Amino acid sequence: MKFFADTAEIKDIRELAEAGLLDGVTTNPSLIKKSGRDFIETVTEIASVVAGPVSAEVVAIEHDAMMNEAERLRKIADNIVIKVPLTPAGLKTCKALTSDGTMVNVTLCFSANQALLAAKAGASFISPFVGRLDDIGQPGMELISDIRLIYDNYDFATEILVASVRNSIHVLDAAKLGADVMTAPPAVIWSLFKHPLTDAGLASFLKDWESTGQKIV
C-alpha cells in the first residue's frame, strides 16, 4: 500500500520523504488555508520535493471553469494530479482530463455507487472519506471493502485512495482490505512506529550496552 501525506506543510513532507515513507501528497483548500501560504507556490514546491503524485484541487464547480483551473495546475509539474469533486461536472472534467493523459483524483466519495461512477469516468484515484463516515455513525471501512470488491469484479484500473484517515487502525484496516493508497496527516504516519514493547526493548538494550563500557566508534 502506498503512503501519501495529507498536508501542505513542506517541512513535514521533507521529513517523511527523507525517511523513505512517502509515495505522494494530497492537498485541499483547507490544508492550503492552514499553511497560510500561496496555493500555486506551495504546490510547486511540494511537486519538486516529492517524485510521486501530488494532488492539487480545483475550486471551480462548473466544468469549463474546472478545465481552466486544471490547465493552470497541470503546467506546474508532470507529477501533478488534478483533484475534482464527485459531482456531474467533476466527472465530466475527470473524463476529459484522463482522456488527455492527465492523472485525476476524484474526491469526496461517500458511497460505493459514487466510486463506480468515478471509475467509469476514468479516475486515476478515488478518495473515499472513511473518517467522516465514522463521524456520522457509518463504518467507513465497509465502504473500502465494497469499493475493492466492485473494482476487482470489473478490473477497474482506478486506485482506491483511502482518505480522512484519523489513526493507525484506519491505516491497518485499509492495508488488510487491499486499498492501493492511504493518505494521512504526517502525525498519523509517524504514529505507526509506536509500540510499548519496542520502546521497552530498546531501553533494555541500551542499558545493557552501557553497562559493558564499550563503544562502537
N, C-alpha and C. Protein backbone atom coordinates (compact mmCIF):
# COMPACT_ATOMS: atom_id res chain seq x y z
N MET A 1 0.84 -1.19 0.00
CA MET A 1 0.00 0.00 0.00
C MET A 1 0.88 1.25 0.00
N LYS A 2 0.56 2.19 -0.87
CA LYS A 2 1.32 3.43 -0.93
C LYS A 2 0.86 4.40 0.15
N PHE A 3 1.83 5.17 0.65
CA PHE A 3 1.57 6.17 1.67
C PHE A 3 1.64 7.56 1.05
N PHE A 4 0.55 8.31 1.15
CA PHE A 4 0.54 9.72 0.78
C PHE A 4 0.39 10.54 2.06
N ALA A 5 1.00 11.71 2.09
CA ALA A 5 0.82 12.63 3.22
C ALA A 5 -0.26 13.63 2.87
N ASP A 6 -1.21 13.78 3.77
CA ASP A 6 -2.31 14.72 3.56
C ASP A 6 -1.96 16.02 4.28
N THR A 7 -1.20 16.86 3.60
CA THR A 7 -0.68 18.07 4.23
C THR A 7 -0.15 19.03 3.17
N ALA A 8 0.00 20.29 3.58
CA ALA A 8 0.65 21.28 2.72
C ALA A 8 1.88 21.85 3.40
N GLU A 9 2.33 21.19 4.47
CA GLU A 9 3.48 21.65 5.23
C GLU A 9 4.76 21.04 4.65
N ILE A 10 5.60 21.86 4.07
CA ILE A 10 6.79 21.39 3.38
C ILE A 10 7.75 20.67 4.33
N LYS A 11 7.93 21.18 5.53
CA LYS A 11 8.84 20.55 6.49
C LYS A 11 8.43 19.11 6.77
N ASP A 12 7.16 18.90 7.01
CA ASP A 12 6.67 17.55 7.28
C ASP A 12 6.85 16.64 6.08
N ILE A 13 6.62 17.17 4.90
CA ILE A 13 6.77 16.39 3.67
C ILE A 13 8.22 15.97 3.47
N ARG A 14 9.14 16.90 3.69
CA ARG A 14 10.57 16.58 3.54
C ARG A 14 11.01 15.50 4.52
N GLU A 15 10.56 15.58 5.76
CA GLU A 15 10.95 14.60 6.78
C GLU A 15 10.46 13.21 6.42
N LEU A 16 9.23 13.11 5.94
CA LEU A 16 8.70 11.80 5.55
C LEU A 16 9.41 11.26 4.32
N ALA A 17 9.70 12.13 3.37
CA ALA A 17 10.40 11.71 2.15
C ALA A 17 11.80 11.21 2.49
N GLU A 18 12.51 11.90 3.38
CA GLU A 18 13.86 11.50 3.75
C GLU A 18 13.87 10.17 4.50
N ALA A 19 12.78 9.85 5.16
CA ALA A 19 12.66 8.58 5.88
C ALA A 19 12.22 7.44 4.97
N GLY A 20 11.94 7.74 3.71
CA GLY A 20 11.51 6.72 2.77
C GLY A 20 10.07 6.27 2.96
N LEU A 21 9.28 7.13 3.60
CA LEU A 21 7.90 6.75 3.93
C LEU A 21 6.86 7.40 3.04
N LEU A 22 7.29 8.10 2.01
CA LEU A 22 6.34 8.92 1.25
C LEU A 22 6.31 8.54 -0.23
N ASP A 23 5.09 8.23 -0.70
CA ASP A 23 4.90 7.92 -2.12
C ASP A 23 4.19 9.03 -2.87
N GLY A 24 3.61 9.99 -2.15
CA GLY A 24 2.87 11.07 -2.79
C GLY A 24 2.30 12.00 -1.74
N VAL A 25 1.58 13.03 -2.20
CA VAL A 25 0.99 14.03 -1.31
C VAL A 25 -0.39 14.39 -1.81
N THR A 26 -1.30 14.61 -0.88
CA THR A 26 -2.61 15.17 -1.23
C THR A 26 -2.78 16.50 -0.53
N THR A 27 -3.35 17.45 -1.24
CA THR A 27 -3.68 18.75 -0.63
C THR A 27 -5.15 19.04 -0.90
N ASN A 28 -5.67 20.03 -0.20
CA ASN A 28 -7.03 20.51 -0.46
C ASN A 28 -7.09 21.97 0.00
N PRO A 29 -8.17 22.67 -0.33
CA PRO A 29 -8.25 24.09 0.06
C PRO A 29 -8.09 24.34 1.56
N SER A 30 -8.60 23.45 2.39
CA SER A 30 -8.48 23.63 3.84
C SER A 30 -7.03 23.52 4.29
N LEU A 31 -6.28 22.58 3.71
CA LEU A 31 -4.87 22.43 4.08
C LEU A 31 -4.04 23.61 3.61
N ILE A 32 -4.38 24.15 2.44
CA ILE A 32 -3.69 25.34 1.95
C ILE A 32 -3.95 26.51 2.88
N LYS A 33 -5.21 26.68 3.30
CA LYS A 33 -5.55 27.75 4.24
C LYS A 33 -4.76 27.60 5.53
N LYS A 34 -4.67 26.38 6.04
CA LYS A 34 -3.95 26.12 7.28
C LYS A 34 -2.48 26.47 7.16
N SER A 35 -1.89 26.25 5.99
CA SER A 35 -0.47 26.54 5.78
C SER A 35 -0.19 28.04 5.76
N GLY A 36 -1.20 28.82 5.37
CA GLY A 36 -1.04 30.27 5.29
C GLY A 36 -0.22 30.74 4.11
N ARG A 37 0.02 29.85 3.14
CA ARG A 37 0.88 30.17 2.00
C ARG A 37 0.10 30.29 0.70
N ASP A 38 0.76 30.81 -0.32
CA ASP A 38 0.18 30.90 -1.65
C ASP A 38 -0.01 29.49 -2.23
N PHE A 39 -1.16 29.26 -2.82
CA PHE A 39 -1.51 27.93 -3.32
C PHE A 39 -0.54 27.44 -4.40
N ILE A 40 -0.36 28.20 -5.46
CA ILE A 40 0.49 27.77 -6.57
C ILE A 40 1.93 27.58 -6.10
N GLU A 41 2.41 28.51 -5.30
CA GLU A 41 3.78 28.41 -4.78
C GLU A 41 3.97 27.15 -3.95
N THR A 42 2.97 26.85 -3.10
CA THR A 42 3.07 25.68 -2.24
C THR A 42 3.06 24.38 -3.03
N VAL A 43 2.13 24.27 -3.96
CA VAL A 43 2.03 23.04 -4.76
C VAL A 43 3.28 22.86 -5.61
N THR A 44 3.82 23.94 -6.13
CA THR A 44 5.04 23.86 -6.93
C THR A 44 6.19 23.33 -6.10
N GLU A 45 6.33 23.81 -4.87
CA GLU A 45 7.41 23.34 -4.01
C GLU A 45 7.22 21.88 -3.63
N ILE A 46 5.99 21.50 -3.31
CA ILE A 46 5.72 20.09 -2.96
C ILE A 46 6.08 19.18 -4.12
N ALA A 47 5.70 19.56 -5.33
CA ALA A 47 5.96 18.74 -6.51
C ALA A 47 7.45 18.61 -6.79
N SER A 48 8.24 19.57 -6.32
CA SER A 48 9.69 19.49 -6.52
C SER A 48 10.36 18.60 -5.48
N VAL A 49 9.68 18.40 -4.35
CA VAL A 49 10.23 17.58 -3.26
C VAL A 49 9.83 16.11 -3.42
N VAL A 50 8.63 15.88 -3.91
CA VAL A 50 8.06 14.53 -4.00
C VAL A 50 8.05 14.05 -5.44
N ALA A 51 8.59 12.86 -5.67
CA ALA A 51 8.62 12.32 -7.03
C ALA A 51 7.28 11.74 -7.44
N GLY A 52 6.49 11.31 -6.46
CA GLY A 52 5.21 10.68 -6.75
C GLY A 52 4.10 11.68 -6.97
N PRO A 53 2.87 11.19 -7.09
CA PRO A 53 1.71 12.05 -7.38
C PRO A 53 1.46 13.10 -6.31
N VAL A 54 1.15 14.31 -6.76
CA VAL A 54 0.80 15.41 -5.86
C VAL A 54 -0.56 15.95 -6.28
N SER A 55 -1.56 15.75 -5.43
CA SER A 55 -2.92 16.18 -5.77
C SER A 55 -3.12 17.66 -5.49
N ALA A 56 -3.58 18.39 -6.51
CA ALA A 56 -3.91 19.81 -6.39
C ALA A 56 -5.37 19.96 -6.80
N GLU A 57 -6.17 20.55 -5.93
CA GLU A 57 -7.63 20.55 -6.12
C GLU A 57 -8.14 21.82 -6.81
N VAL A 58 -9.03 21.61 -7.77
CA VAL A 58 -9.72 22.76 -8.37
C VAL A 58 -10.76 23.26 -7.37
N VAL A 59 -11.12 24.54 -7.49
CA VAL A 59 -12.14 25.09 -6.60
C VAL A 59 -13.39 25.52 -7.37
N ALA A 60 -13.31 25.48 -8.69
CA ALA A 60 -14.49 25.79 -9.51
C ALA A 60 -15.50 24.66 -9.38
N ILE A 61 -16.76 24.97 -9.66
CA ILE A 61 -17.81 23.94 -9.59
C ILE A 61 -18.45 23.65 -10.94
N GLU A 62 -18.14 24.46 -11.96
CA GLU A 62 -18.65 24.23 -13.32
C GLU A 62 -17.54 23.64 -14.18
N HIS A 63 -17.94 22.81 -15.15
CA HIS A 63 -16.97 22.07 -15.95
C HIS A 63 -15.96 22.96 -16.66
N ASP A 64 -16.42 23.98 -17.37
CA ASP A 64 -15.49 24.82 -18.13
C ASP A 64 -14.49 25.51 -17.21
N ALA A 65 -14.96 25.98 -16.07
CA ALA A 65 -14.07 26.65 -15.13
C ALA A 65 -13.09 25.65 -14.51
N MET A 66 -13.57 24.42 -14.25
CA MET A 66 -12.67 23.38 -13.75
C MET A 66 -11.56 23.10 -14.75
N MET A 67 -11.90 23.02 -16.01
CA MET A 67 -10.91 22.76 -17.05
C MET A 67 -9.88 23.88 -17.12
N ASN A 68 -10.32 25.10 -16.97
CA ASN A 68 -9.39 26.24 -16.99
C ASN A 68 -8.41 26.16 -15.82
N GLU A 69 -8.94 25.84 -14.63
CA GLU A 69 -8.07 25.72 -13.46
C GLU A 69 -7.13 24.53 -13.61
N ALA A 70 -7.65 23.43 -14.13
CA ALA A 70 -6.82 22.24 -14.32
C ALA A 70 -5.68 22.51 -15.30
N GLU A 71 -5.95 23.29 -16.32
CA GLU A 71 -4.91 23.61 -17.30
C GLU A 71 -3.76 24.36 -16.63
N ARG A 72 -4.11 25.27 -15.72
CA ARG A 72 -3.06 26.01 -14.99
C ARG A 72 -2.29 25.08 -14.07
N LEU A 73 -3.00 24.23 -13.35
CA LEU A 73 -2.36 23.37 -12.36
C LEU A 73 -1.47 22.31 -12.98
N ARG A 74 -1.89 21.72 -14.09
CA ARG A 74 -1.08 20.64 -14.65
C ARG A 74 0.19 21.14 -15.33
N LYS A 75 0.30 22.44 -15.50
CA LYS A 75 1.53 23.01 -16.03
C LYS A 75 2.62 23.11 -14.97
N ILE A 76 2.26 22.95 -13.71
CA ILE A 76 3.22 23.10 -12.61
C ILE A 76 4.32 22.04 -12.70
N ALA A 77 3.91 20.78 -12.88
CA ALA A 77 4.88 19.68 -12.94
C ALA A 77 4.20 18.44 -13.51
N ASP A 78 5.01 17.49 -13.96
CA ASP A 78 4.46 16.28 -14.56
C ASP A 78 3.78 15.37 -13.54
N ASN A 79 4.12 15.53 -12.25
CA ASN A 79 3.53 14.65 -11.24
C ASN A 79 2.30 15.24 -10.56
N ILE A 80 1.77 16.33 -11.10
CA ILE A 80 0.54 16.91 -10.55
C ILE A 80 -0.67 16.06 -10.92
N VAL A 81 -1.49 15.78 -9.93
CA VAL A 81 -2.77 15.10 -10.11
C VAL A 81 -3.86 16.14 -9.89
N ILE A 82 -4.77 16.25 -10.83
CA ILE A 82 -5.87 17.20 -10.68
C ILE A 82 -6.95 16.56 -9.83
N LYS A 83 -7.32 17.26 -8.77
CA LYS A 83 -8.31 16.75 -7.83
C LYS A 83 -9.65 17.43 -8.11
N VAL A 84 -10.69 16.63 -8.35
CA VAL A 84 -12.01 17.17 -8.67
C VAL A 84 -13.05 16.55 -7.74
N PRO A 85 -14.15 17.26 -7.48
CA PRO A 85 -15.20 16.71 -6.61
C PRO A 85 -16.05 15.68 -7.34
N LEU A 86 -16.70 14.82 -6.56
CA LEU A 86 -17.54 13.78 -7.16
C LEU A 86 -18.93 14.36 -7.44
N THR A 87 -18.98 15.14 -8.51
CA THR A 87 -20.21 15.77 -9.00
C THR A 87 -20.29 15.49 -10.49
N PRO A 88 -21.44 15.71 -11.12
CA PRO A 88 -21.50 15.53 -12.58
C PRO A 88 -20.45 16.36 -13.32
N ALA A 89 -20.29 17.61 -12.91
CA ALA A 89 -19.28 18.45 -13.56
C ALA A 89 -17.87 17.93 -13.28
N GLY A 90 -17.66 17.44 -12.06
CA GLY A 90 -16.36 16.90 -11.71
C GLY A 90 -16.01 15.67 -12.53
N LEU A 91 -16.97 14.78 -12.73
CA LEU A 91 -16.70 13.57 -13.50
C LEU A 91 -16.56 13.87 -15.00
N LYS A 92 -17.28 14.87 -15.49
CA LYS A 92 -17.10 15.29 -16.88
C LYS A 92 -15.68 15.82 -17.07
N THR A 93 -15.21 16.57 -16.10
CA THR A 93 -13.84 17.08 -16.13
C THR A 93 -12.84 15.93 -16.03
N CYS A 94 -13.13 14.98 -15.15
CA CYS A 94 -12.28 13.81 -15.00
C CYS A 94 -12.10 13.08 -16.33
N LYS A 95 -13.20 12.82 -17.01
CA LYS A 95 -13.15 12.12 -18.28
C LYS A 95 -12.32 12.88 -19.30
N ALA A 96 -12.52 14.18 -19.38
CA ALA A 96 -11.78 15.00 -20.34
C ALA A 96 -10.29 14.98 -20.03
N LEU A 97 -9.93 15.09 -18.77
CA LEU A 97 -8.52 15.17 -18.40
C LEU A 97 -7.81 13.83 -18.54
N THR A 98 -8.44 12.75 -18.08
CA THR A 98 -7.78 11.45 -18.19
C THR A 98 -7.67 11.01 -19.64
N SER A 99 -8.61 11.41 -20.46
CA SER A 99 -8.53 11.09 -21.90
C SER A 99 -7.35 11.79 -22.55
N ASP A 100 -6.90 12.88 -21.90
CA ASP A 100 -5.77 13.65 -22.40
C ASP A 100 -4.46 13.27 -21.70
N GLY A 101 -4.50 12.22 -20.88
CA GLY A 101 -3.29 11.73 -20.23
C GLY A 101 -2.97 12.33 -18.88
N THR A 102 -3.88 13.11 -18.31
CA THR A 102 -3.66 13.74 -17.01
C THR A 102 -4.24 12.86 -15.90
N MET A 103 -3.48 12.68 -14.83
CA MET A 103 -3.97 11.94 -13.67
C MET A 103 -5.03 12.75 -12.94
N VAL A 104 -6.09 12.07 -12.48
CA VAL A 104 -7.19 12.75 -11.78
C VAL A 104 -7.54 11.98 -10.51
N ASN A 105 -7.69 12.72 -9.43
CA ASN A 105 -8.13 12.19 -8.15
C ASN A 105 -9.55 12.71 -7.90
N VAL A 106 -10.51 11.81 -7.86
CA VAL A 106 -11.90 12.20 -7.60
C VAL A 106 -12.13 12.10 -6.09
N THR A 107 -12.49 13.24 -5.50
CA THR A 107 -12.55 13.34 -4.04
C THR A 107 -13.99 13.47 -3.53
N LEU A 108 -14.11 13.39 -2.21
CA LEU A 108 -15.40 13.48 -1.53
C LEU A 108 -16.34 12.34 -1.92
N CYS A 109 -15.79 11.14 -1.89
CA CYS A 109 -16.59 9.93 -2.16
C CYS A 109 -17.10 9.36 -0.85
N PHE A 110 -18.42 9.11 -0.80
CA PHE A 110 -19.03 8.57 0.41
C PHE A 110 -19.91 7.35 0.16
N SER A 111 -19.93 6.84 -1.08
CA SER A 111 -20.71 5.64 -1.37
C SER A 111 -20.03 4.82 -2.46
N ALA A 112 -20.33 3.52 -2.47
CA ALA A 112 -19.77 2.64 -3.49
C ALA A 112 -20.31 2.99 -4.87
N ASN A 113 -21.56 3.43 -4.94
CA ASN A 113 -22.10 3.84 -6.23
C ASN A 113 -21.33 5.03 -6.81
N GLN A 114 -20.97 5.98 -5.94
CA GLN A 114 -20.17 7.10 -6.39
C GLN A 114 -18.82 6.63 -6.91
N ALA A 115 -18.23 5.68 -6.21
CA ALA A 115 -16.92 5.15 -6.63
C ALA A 115 -17.03 4.45 -7.97
N LEU A 116 -18.14 3.77 -8.21
CA LEU A 116 -18.35 3.12 -9.50
C LEU A 116 -18.43 4.15 -10.62
N LEU A 117 -19.13 5.25 -10.37
CA LEU A 117 -19.22 6.32 -11.36
C LEU A 117 -17.84 6.89 -11.68
N ALA A 118 -17.04 7.10 -10.65
CA ALA A 118 -15.71 7.68 -10.85
C ALA A 118 -14.83 6.76 -11.69
N ALA A 119 -14.90 5.46 -11.42
CA ALA A 119 -14.11 4.51 -12.19
C ALA A 119 -14.53 4.51 -13.66
N LYS A 120 -15.83 4.58 -13.90
CA LYS A 120 -16.32 4.60 -15.27
C LYS A 120 -15.89 5.87 -16.00
N ALA A 121 -15.69 6.96 -15.23
CA ALA A 121 -15.24 8.22 -15.83
C ALA A 121 -13.72 8.25 -16.03
N GLY A 122 -13.06 7.16 -15.62
CA GLY A 122 -11.63 7.05 -15.88
C GLY A 122 -10.73 7.61 -14.80
N ALA A 123 -11.25 7.78 -13.58
CA ALA A 123 -10.45 8.35 -12.50
C ALA A 123 -9.17 7.55 -12.26
N SER A 124 -8.09 8.25 -12.01
CA SER A 124 -6.84 7.59 -11.63
C SER A 124 -6.92 7.13 -10.18
N PHE A 125 -7.51 7.97 -9.34
CA PHE A 125 -7.69 7.68 -7.92
C PHE A 125 -9.12 8.03 -7.50
N ILE A 126 -9.67 7.24 -6.58
CA ILE A 126 -10.93 7.59 -5.92
C ILE A 126 -10.63 7.77 -4.44
N SER A 127 -11.13 8.86 -3.85
CA SER A 127 -10.83 9.16 -2.45
C SER A 127 -12.07 9.03 -1.57
N PRO A 128 -12.31 7.84 -1.01
CA PRO A 128 -13.39 7.66 -0.04
C PRO A 128 -12.95 8.20 1.32
N PHE A 129 -13.84 8.94 1.99
CA PHE A 129 -13.51 9.59 3.26
C PHE A 129 -14.00 8.75 4.43
N VAL A 130 -13.14 7.87 4.94
CA VAL A 130 -13.58 6.93 5.97
C VAL A 130 -13.85 7.62 7.32
N GLY A 131 -13.00 8.56 7.69
CA GLY A 131 -13.17 9.23 8.98
C GLY A 131 -14.47 10.00 9.08
N ARG A 132 -14.83 10.67 8.01
CA ARG A 132 -16.07 11.47 8.03
C ARG A 132 -17.30 10.56 8.09
N LEU A 133 -17.20 9.37 7.48
CA LEU A 133 -18.31 8.42 7.61
C LEU A 133 -18.40 7.92 9.05
N ASP A 134 -17.25 7.60 9.65
CA ASP A 134 -17.25 7.18 11.06
C ASP A 134 -17.90 8.25 11.95
N ASP A 135 -17.66 9.50 11.61
CA ASP A 135 -18.18 10.62 12.42
C ASP A 135 -19.70 10.63 12.48
N ILE A 136 -20.34 10.13 11.43
CA ILE A 136 -21.82 10.14 11.41
C ILE A 136 -22.41 8.76 11.70
N GLY A 137 -21.55 7.89 12.25
CA GLY A 137 -22.04 6.60 12.69
C GLY A 137 -22.08 5.52 11.64
N GLN A 138 -21.47 5.77 10.49
CA GLN A 138 -21.38 4.75 9.45
C GLN A 138 -19.96 4.21 9.40
N PRO A 139 -19.77 2.88 9.35
CA PRO A 139 -18.42 2.32 9.34
C PRO A 139 -17.70 2.61 8.02
N GLY A 140 -16.75 3.51 8.07
CA GLY A 140 -16.07 3.93 6.85
C GLY A 140 -15.36 2.80 6.13
N MET A 141 -14.81 1.86 6.87
CA MET A 141 -14.05 0.79 6.23
C MET A 141 -14.94 -0.18 5.45
N GLU A 142 -16.22 -0.22 5.77
CA GLU A 142 -17.13 -1.04 4.96
C GLU A 142 -17.20 -0.50 3.54
N LEU A 143 -17.10 0.81 3.40
CA LEU A 143 -17.08 1.41 2.07
C LEU A 143 -15.84 0.98 1.29
N ILE A 144 -14.69 0.92 1.96
CA ILE A 144 -13.47 0.48 1.28
C ILE A 144 -13.62 -0.96 0.81
N SER A 145 -14.19 -1.79 1.66
CA SER A 145 -14.41 -3.20 1.29
C SER A 145 -15.32 -3.31 0.07
N ASP A 146 -16.40 -2.53 0.06
CA ASP A 146 -17.34 -2.57 -1.07
C ASP A 146 -16.68 -2.10 -2.37
N ILE A 147 -15.91 -1.02 -2.28
CA ILE A 147 -15.26 -0.49 -3.48
C ILE A 147 -14.23 -1.50 -4.01
N ARG A 148 -13.46 -2.10 -3.09
CA ARG A 148 -12.47 -3.09 -3.51
C ARG A 148 -13.14 -4.24 -4.26
N LEU A 149 -14.26 -4.73 -3.74
CA LEU A 149 -14.99 -5.82 -4.38
C LEU A 149 -15.47 -5.42 -5.78
N ILE A 150 -16.06 -4.24 -5.89
CA ILE A 150 -16.60 -3.79 -7.17
C ILE A 150 -15.48 -3.58 -8.19
N TYR A 151 -14.42 -2.93 -7.77
CA TYR A 151 -13.32 -2.68 -8.72
C TYR A 151 -12.67 -3.98 -9.17
N ASP A 152 -12.53 -4.94 -8.26
CA ASP A 152 -11.95 -6.22 -8.64
C ASP A 152 -12.89 -7.01 -9.55
N ASN A 153 -14.19 -6.88 -9.34
CA ASN A 153 -15.16 -7.58 -10.19
C ASN A 153 -15.01 -7.19 -11.65
N TYR A 154 -14.69 -5.92 -11.89
CA TYR A 154 -14.67 -5.42 -13.27
C TYR A 154 -13.29 -4.96 -13.72
N ASP A 155 -12.29 -5.26 -12.90
CA ASP A 155 -10.89 -4.96 -13.25
C ASP A 155 -10.69 -3.48 -13.57
N PHE A 156 -11.33 -2.61 -12.79
CA PHE A 156 -11.11 -1.18 -12.96
C PHE A 156 -9.68 -0.82 -12.55
N ALA A 157 -9.08 0.08 -13.29
CA ALA A 157 -7.70 0.49 -13.00
C ALA A 157 -7.64 1.58 -11.93
N THR A 158 -8.76 2.20 -11.60
CA THR A 158 -8.79 3.27 -10.60
C THR A 158 -8.25 2.78 -9.26
N GLU A 159 -7.32 3.53 -8.68
CA GLU A 159 -6.74 3.16 -7.40
C GLU A 159 -7.58 3.70 -6.25
N ILE A 160 -7.77 2.86 -5.25
CA ILE A 160 -8.52 3.27 -4.05
C ILE A 160 -7.57 4.00 -3.12
N LEU A 161 -7.85 5.28 -2.91
CA LEU A 161 -7.02 6.15 -2.08
C LEU A 161 -7.81 6.48 -0.81
N VAL A 162 -7.55 5.75 0.25
CA VAL A 162 -8.31 5.93 1.49
C VAL A 162 -7.96 7.28 2.12
N ALA A 163 -8.97 8.12 2.28
CA ALA A 163 -8.78 9.48 2.79
C ALA A 163 -9.52 9.67 4.11
N SER A 164 -9.31 10.84 4.72
CA SER A 164 -9.88 11.14 6.04
C SER A 164 -9.45 10.08 7.04
N VAL A 165 -8.17 9.72 6.96
CA VAL A 165 -7.58 8.73 7.87
C VAL A 165 -7.23 9.42 9.18
N ARG A 166 -7.73 8.89 10.27
CA ARG A 166 -7.60 9.55 11.57
C ARG A 166 -6.61 8.89 12.51
N ASN A 167 -6.31 7.60 12.29
CA ASN A 167 -5.50 6.88 13.28
C ASN A 167 -4.84 5.66 12.65
N SER A 168 -4.02 4.99 13.45
CA SER A 168 -3.28 3.83 12.96
C SER A 168 -4.19 2.65 12.62
N ILE A 169 -5.33 2.55 13.28
CA ILE A 169 -6.27 1.47 12.98
C ILE A 169 -6.84 1.64 11.57
N HIS A 170 -7.12 2.87 11.19
CA HIS A 170 -7.57 3.12 9.81
C HIS A 170 -6.52 2.64 8.81
N VAL A 171 -5.25 2.92 9.11
CA VAL A 171 -4.17 2.51 8.20
C VAL A 171 -4.12 0.99 8.11
N LEU A 172 -4.16 0.33 9.25
CA LEU A 172 -4.11 -1.14 9.28
C LEU A 172 -5.28 -1.75 8.52
N ASP A 173 -6.48 -1.27 8.80
CA ASP A 173 -7.67 -1.81 8.13
C ASP A 173 -7.62 -1.58 6.62
N ALA A 174 -7.14 -0.42 6.21
CA ALA A 174 -7.03 -0.14 4.78
C ALA A 174 -6.08 -1.11 4.10
N ALA A 175 -4.96 -1.40 4.77
CA ALA A 175 -3.99 -2.35 4.21
C ALA A 175 -4.58 -3.76 4.14
N LYS A 176 -5.29 -4.17 5.18
CA LYS A 176 -5.88 -5.50 5.21
C LYS A 176 -6.94 -5.68 4.13
N LEU A 177 -7.62 -4.59 3.79
CA LEU A 177 -8.68 -4.66 2.78
C LEU A 177 -8.14 -4.52 1.36
N GLY A 178 -6.85 -4.26 1.23
CA GLY A 178 -6.26 -4.19 -0.10
C GLY A 178 -6.38 -2.84 -0.77
N ALA A 179 -6.50 -1.77 0.01
CA ALA A 179 -6.51 -0.44 -0.59
C ALA A 179 -5.17 -0.18 -1.27
N ASP A 180 -5.21 0.57 -2.36
CA ASP A 180 -3.98 0.85 -3.11
C ASP A 180 -3.13 1.92 -2.42
N VAL A 181 -3.80 2.90 -1.83
CA VAL A 181 -3.13 4.05 -1.25
C VAL A 181 -3.91 4.47 0.00
N MET A 182 -3.20 5.04 0.97
CA MET A 182 -3.87 5.75 2.05
C MET A 182 -3.19 7.09 2.20
N THR A 183 -3.97 8.13 2.48
CA THR A 183 -3.40 9.44 2.73
C THR A 183 -3.78 9.88 4.13
N ALA A 184 -2.77 10.34 4.87
CA ALA A 184 -2.99 10.67 6.28
C ALA A 184 -2.13 11.85 6.69
N PRO A 185 -2.53 12.56 7.74
CA PRO A 185 -1.66 13.59 8.29
C PRO A 185 -0.33 12.98 8.70
N PRO A 186 0.77 13.73 8.61
CA PRO A 186 2.08 13.20 8.99
C PRO A 186 2.10 12.58 10.39
N ALA A 187 1.39 13.17 11.34
CA ALA A 187 1.39 12.64 12.70
C ALA A 187 0.86 11.21 12.76
N VAL A 188 -0.12 10.90 11.92
CA VAL A 188 -0.66 9.53 11.88
C VAL A 188 0.37 8.57 11.32
N ILE A 189 1.07 8.99 10.28
CA ILE A 189 2.10 8.12 9.69
C ILE A 189 3.21 7.84 10.70
N TRP A 190 3.68 8.88 11.40
CA TRP A 190 4.73 8.66 12.40
C TRP A 190 4.24 7.80 13.55
N SER A 191 2.95 7.84 13.85
CA SER A 191 2.42 7.06 14.98
C SER A 191 2.51 5.55 14.73
N LEU A 192 2.69 5.16 13.47
CA LEU A 192 2.77 3.73 13.16
C LEU A 192 4.01 3.08 13.77
N PHE A 193 5.00 3.88 14.10
CA PHE A 193 6.20 3.35 14.75
C PHE A 193 5.94 2.91 16.17
N LYS A 194 4.93 3.47 16.80
CA LYS A 194 4.80 3.35 18.26
C LYS A 194 4.30 1.99 18.72
N HIS A 195 5.05 1.40 19.64
CA HIS A 195 4.62 0.21 20.37
C HIS A 195 5.39 0.16 21.68
N PRO A 196 4.72 -0.05 22.80
CA PRO A 196 5.41 -0.02 24.09
C PRO A 196 6.52 -1.05 24.21
N LEU A 197 6.38 -2.20 23.56
CA LEU A 197 7.41 -3.23 23.65
C LEU A 197 8.66 -2.84 22.87
N THR A 198 8.48 -2.09 21.80
CA THR A 198 9.65 -1.58 21.08
C THR A 198 10.42 -0.62 21.96
N ASP A 199 9.71 0.30 22.62
CA ASP A 199 10.36 1.28 23.50
C ASP A 199 11.05 0.58 24.67
N ALA A 200 10.37 -0.40 25.26
CA ALA A 200 10.94 -1.11 26.41
C ALA A 200 12.16 -1.93 25.99
N GLY A 201 12.06 -2.58 24.85
CA GLY A 201 13.18 -3.39 24.37
C GLY A 201 14.41 -2.55 24.08
N LEU A 202 14.20 -1.40 23.44
CA LEU A 202 15.31 -0.51 23.13
C LEU A 202 15.96 0.01 24.41
N ALA A 203 15.13 0.39 25.38
CA ALA A 203 15.67 0.89 26.65
C ALA A 203 16.51 -0.19 27.34
N SER A 204 16.05 -1.43 27.28
CA SER A 204 16.78 -2.54 27.90
C SER A 204 18.11 -2.79 27.21
N PHE A 205 18.10 -2.77 25.88
CA PHE A 205 19.34 -2.99 25.13
C PHE A 205 20.36 -1.90 25.44
N LEU A 206 19.89 -0.65 25.47
CA LEU A 206 20.80 0.47 25.72
C LEU A 206 21.39 0.40 27.12
N LYS A 207 20.57 0.02 28.10
CA LYS A 207 21.05 -0.10 29.48
C LYS A 207 22.12 -1.18 29.58
N ASP A 208 21.87 -2.32 28.94
CA ASP A 208 22.84 -3.42 28.99
C ASP A 208 24.13 -3.02 28.27
N TRP A 209 24.00 -2.34 27.16
CA TRP A 209 25.18 -1.93 26.41
C TRP A 209 26.02 -0.95 27.22
N GLU A 210 25.36 0.00 27.88
CA GLU A 210 26.06 0.99 28.68
C GLU A 210 26.87 0.32 29.79
N SER A 211 26.30 -0.77 30.33
CA SER A 211 26.98 -1.46 31.44
C SER A 211 28.25 -2.17 31.00
N THR A 212 28.39 -2.41 29.71
CA THR A 212 29.61 -3.08 29.21
C THR A 212 30.79 -2.12 29.12
N GLY A 213 30.50 -0.82 29.07
CA GLY A 213 31.56 0.17 28.95
C GLY A 213 32.19 0.22 27.57
N GLN A 214 31.59 -0.43 26.61
CA GLN A 214 32.17 -0.49 25.26
C GLN A 214 31.65 0.65 24.38
N LYS A 215 32.38 0.88 23.26
CA LYS A 215 31.98 1.83 22.25
C LYS A 215 32.17 1.20 20.87
N ILE A 216 31.34 1.56 19.92
CA ILE A 216 31.49 1.04 18.55
C ILE A 216 32.48 1.90 17.77
N VAL A 217 32.45 3.22 17.98
CA VAL A 217 33.42 4.10 17.33
C VAL A 217 33.98 5.07 18.37
